[in-house]
N, C-alpha and C. Protein backbone atom coordinates (compact mmCIF):
# COMPACT_ATOMS: atom_id res chain seq x y z
N MET A 1 -33.97 25.44 -87.49
CA MET A 1 -32.99 24.47 -87.10
C MET A 1 -33.72 23.29 -86.48
N SER A 2 -33.37 22.09 -86.89
CA SER A 2 -34.05 20.93 -86.33
C SER A 2 -33.05 19.85 -85.97
N LYS A 3 -33.49 18.93 -85.18
CA LYS A 3 -32.63 17.82 -84.74
C LYS A 3 -32.98 16.54 -85.49
N GLY A 4 -33.73 16.65 -86.56
CA GLY A 4 -34.08 15.48 -87.32
C GLY A 4 -35.42 14.89 -86.96
N ASN A 5 -36.06 15.37 -85.91
CA ASN A 5 -37.35 14.84 -85.51
C ASN A 5 -38.50 15.73 -85.97
N GLY A 6 -38.20 16.73 -86.77
CA GLY A 6 -39.23 17.61 -87.28
C GLY A 6 -39.57 18.76 -86.35
N LYS A 7 -39.08 18.73 -85.12
CA LYS A 7 -39.34 19.81 -84.17
C LYS A 7 -38.20 20.81 -84.21
N ALA A 8 -38.55 22.05 -84.04
CA ALA A 8 -37.52 23.09 -84.02
C ALA A 8 -36.68 22.95 -82.75
N ALA A 9 -35.38 23.03 -82.90
CA ALA A 9 -34.49 22.98 -81.75
C ALA A 9 -34.51 24.33 -81.05
N THR A 10 -34.51 24.32 -79.75
CA THR A 10 -34.45 25.58 -79.02
C THR A 10 -33.00 25.97 -78.83
N SER A 11 -32.80 27.23 -78.71
CA SER A 11 -31.46 27.78 -78.55
C SER A 11 -31.42 28.64 -77.30
N VAL A 12 -30.25 28.71 -76.69
CA VAL A 12 -30.08 29.58 -75.53
C VAL A 12 -30.38 31.02 -75.93
N PHE A 13 -30.18 31.35 -77.21
CA PHE A 13 -30.41 32.71 -77.68
C PHE A 13 -31.90 33.06 -77.78
N ASP A 14 -32.76 32.08 -77.67
CA ASP A 14 -34.20 32.32 -77.68
C ASP A 14 -34.70 32.82 -76.33
N ASP A 15 -33.92 32.64 -75.30
CA ASP A 15 -34.29 33.03 -73.94
C ASP A 15 -33.54 34.31 -73.57
N THR A 16 -34.21 35.44 -73.69
CA THR A 16 -33.53 36.72 -73.46
C THR A 16 -33.02 36.86 -72.02
N ARG A 17 -33.71 36.27 -71.08
CA ARG A 17 -33.23 36.34 -69.69
C ARG A 17 -31.91 35.57 -69.54
N GLU A 18 -31.83 34.42 -70.19
CA GLU A 18 -30.61 33.63 -70.11
C GLU A 18 -29.46 34.33 -70.82
N VAL A 19 -29.74 34.95 -71.95
CA VAL A 19 -28.71 35.70 -72.67
C VAL A 19 -28.20 36.84 -71.80
N THR A 20 -29.12 37.57 -71.18
CA THR A 20 -28.75 38.69 -70.30
C THR A 20 -27.94 38.20 -69.12
N ARG A 21 -28.34 37.08 -68.53
CA ARG A 21 -27.62 36.52 -67.38
C ARG A 21 -26.19 36.14 -67.78
N ARG A 22 -26.06 35.46 -68.89
CA ARG A 22 -24.73 35.03 -69.33
C ARG A 22 -23.85 36.22 -69.71
N PHE A 23 -24.46 37.21 -70.35
CA PHE A 23 -23.70 38.40 -70.72
C PHE A 23 -23.22 39.12 -69.46
N SER A 24 -24.10 39.26 -68.48
CA SER A 24 -23.73 39.93 -67.22
C SER A 24 -22.59 39.20 -66.52
N LEU A 25 -22.64 37.87 -66.52
CA LEU A 25 -21.56 37.10 -65.90
C LEU A 25 -20.25 37.27 -66.65
N ALA A 26 -20.32 37.30 -67.97
CA ALA A 26 -19.10 37.47 -68.78
C ALA A 26 -18.47 38.85 -68.52
N VAL A 27 -19.31 39.87 -68.44
CA VAL A 27 -18.80 41.22 -68.16
C VAL A 27 -18.18 41.26 -66.77
N ARG A 28 -18.84 40.65 -65.81
CA ARG A 28 -18.32 40.61 -64.44
C ARG A 28 -16.94 39.95 -64.40
N GLU A 29 -16.82 38.82 -65.08
CA GLU A 29 -15.54 38.11 -65.12
C GLU A 29 -14.45 38.95 -65.79
N ALA A 30 -14.80 39.63 -66.87
CA ALA A 30 -13.83 40.48 -67.57
C ALA A 30 -13.38 41.63 -66.66
N LEU A 31 -14.32 42.24 -65.94
CA LEU A 31 -13.96 43.32 -65.02
C LEU A 31 -13.07 42.81 -63.89
N LEU A 32 -13.40 41.64 -63.36
CA LEU A 32 -12.56 41.06 -62.30
C LEU A 32 -11.16 40.77 -62.83
N ASP A 33 -11.06 40.23 -64.03
CA ASP A 33 -9.75 39.95 -64.62
C ASP A 33 -8.93 41.23 -64.75
N HIS A 34 -9.55 42.30 -65.24
CA HIS A 34 -8.85 43.57 -65.39
C HIS A 34 -8.40 44.12 -64.04
N LYS A 35 -9.31 44.07 -63.08
CA LYS A 35 -9.01 44.61 -61.74
C LYS A 35 -7.86 43.83 -61.11
N ARG A 36 -7.92 42.50 -61.17
CA ARG A 36 -6.86 41.65 -60.58
C ARG A 36 -5.51 41.88 -61.25
N ALA A 37 -5.53 42.10 -62.56
CA ALA A 37 -4.28 42.28 -63.31
C ALA A 37 -3.76 43.71 -63.22
N GLY A 38 -4.57 44.60 -62.64
CA GLY A 38 -4.15 46.00 -62.53
C GLY A 38 -4.29 46.77 -63.83
N ASN A 39 -5.22 46.33 -64.68
CA ASN A 39 -5.43 46.99 -65.96
C ASN A 39 -6.69 47.85 -65.94
N PRO A 40 -6.63 49.03 -66.53
CA PRO A 40 -7.83 49.88 -66.61
C PRO A 40 -8.81 49.33 -67.64
N VAL A 41 -10.03 49.83 -67.59
CA VAL A 41 -11.04 49.50 -68.61
C VAL A 41 -11.56 50.79 -69.21
N ALA A 42 -12.00 50.70 -70.44
CA ALA A 42 -12.62 51.84 -71.10
C ALA A 42 -14.12 51.66 -71.05
N ILE A 43 -14.83 52.72 -70.67
CA ILE A 43 -16.30 52.69 -70.62
C ILE A 43 -16.83 53.91 -71.36
N TRP A 44 -18.11 53.87 -71.66
CA TRP A 44 -18.79 54.98 -72.30
C TRP A 44 -19.57 55.71 -71.21
N ARG A 45 -19.28 57.00 -70.99
CA ARG A 45 -19.97 57.78 -69.96
C ARG A 45 -20.23 59.18 -70.50
N ASP A 46 -21.49 59.59 -70.46
CA ASP A 46 -21.89 60.93 -70.88
C ASP A 46 -21.40 61.28 -72.28
N GLY A 47 -21.51 60.32 -73.18
CA GLY A 47 -21.15 60.57 -74.57
C GLY A 47 -19.67 60.55 -74.87
N LYS A 48 -18.87 60.07 -73.91
CA LYS A 48 -17.42 60.05 -74.10
C LYS A 48 -16.84 58.72 -73.61
N VAL A 49 -15.70 58.36 -74.16
CA VAL A 49 -14.96 57.21 -73.66
C VAL A 49 -14.16 57.68 -72.44
N VAL A 50 -14.28 56.92 -71.37
CA VAL A 50 -13.58 57.24 -70.12
C VAL A 50 -12.76 56.03 -69.71
N ILE A 51 -11.51 56.26 -69.34
CA ILE A 51 -10.65 55.18 -68.86
C ILE A 51 -10.79 55.11 -67.34
N VAL A 52 -11.18 53.93 -66.85
CA VAL A 52 -11.37 53.72 -65.41
C VAL A 52 -10.16 52.95 -64.88
N PRO A 53 -9.43 53.53 -63.93
CA PRO A 53 -8.29 52.82 -63.36
C PRO A 53 -8.75 51.58 -62.59
N PRO A 54 -7.88 50.58 -62.48
CA PRO A 54 -8.29 49.31 -61.85
C PRO A 54 -8.85 49.47 -60.44
N GLU A 55 -8.30 50.40 -59.67
CA GLU A 55 -8.79 50.56 -58.29
C GLU A 55 -10.19 51.16 -58.22
N GLU A 56 -10.69 51.70 -59.33
CA GLU A 56 -12.03 52.28 -59.36
C GLU A 56 -13.04 51.40 -60.10
N ILE A 57 -12.61 50.24 -60.59
CA ILE A 57 -13.52 49.33 -61.29
C ILE A 57 -14.48 48.74 -60.27
N GLU A 58 -15.77 48.89 -60.53
CA GLU A 58 -16.80 48.33 -59.65
C GLU A 58 -17.20 46.96 -60.17
N VAL A 59 -17.13 45.96 -59.30
CA VAL A 59 -17.51 44.60 -59.67
C VAL A 59 -18.52 44.11 -58.65
N PHE A 60 -19.63 43.58 -59.14
CA PHE A 60 -20.66 43.06 -58.25
C PHE A 60 -20.18 41.77 -57.62
N GLU A 61 -20.55 41.56 -56.38
CA GLU A 61 -20.08 40.41 -55.63
C GLU A 61 -20.76 39.10 -56.03
N ASP A 62 -21.99 39.17 -56.48
CA ASP A 62 -22.68 37.93 -56.82
C ASP A 62 -23.45 38.05 -58.12
N GLU A 63 -23.84 36.92 -58.63
CA GLU A 63 -24.55 36.85 -59.90
C GLU A 63 -25.88 37.59 -59.86
N ALA A 64 -26.61 37.49 -58.76
CA ALA A 64 -27.91 38.14 -58.65
C ALA A 64 -27.79 39.65 -58.78
N SER A 65 -26.78 40.23 -58.16
CA SER A 65 -26.57 41.67 -58.26
C SER A 65 -26.24 42.08 -59.68
N ALA A 66 -25.39 41.33 -60.33
CA ALA A 66 -25.00 41.65 -61.70
C ALA A 66 -26.19 41.55 -62.63
N ALA A 67 -26.98 40.51 -62.50
CA ALA A 67 -28.12 40.31 -63.38
C ALA A 67 -29.22 41.33 -63.13
N SER A 68 -29.38 41.76 -61.88
CA SER A 68 -30.46 42.68 -61.57
C SER A 68 -30.19 44.09 -62.08
N THR A 69 -28.94 44.42 -62.35
CA THR A 69 -28.61 45.74 -62.84
C THR A 69 -28.36 45.76 -64.35
N ALA A 70 -28.48 44.60 -64.97
CA ALA A 70 -28.27 44.53 -66.42
C ALA A 70 -29.39 45.29 -67.14
N PRO A 71 -29.06 45.96 -68.23
CA PRO A 71 -30.10 46.66 -68.98
C PRO A 71 -31.15 45.71 -69.50
N ARG A 72 -32.36 46.16 -69.54
CA ARG A 72 -33.45 45.31 -70.03
C ARG A 72 -33.90 45.76 -71.39
């Protein structure tokens, strides 16, 4: 992909740390939305789908916490 100057354009997808950070933030926001609305979420635990009630949904308080626990 180029911008017409012959140089390859960089993409946010080329930076795995940035992709992980953005993904972690999106998951955090989705969990907060579910928790606030009183909706459960489905997760994968020990080889099974488990429904987590809204009062048991764990949401990290800040971006650093969410990003530090993201899978690498």
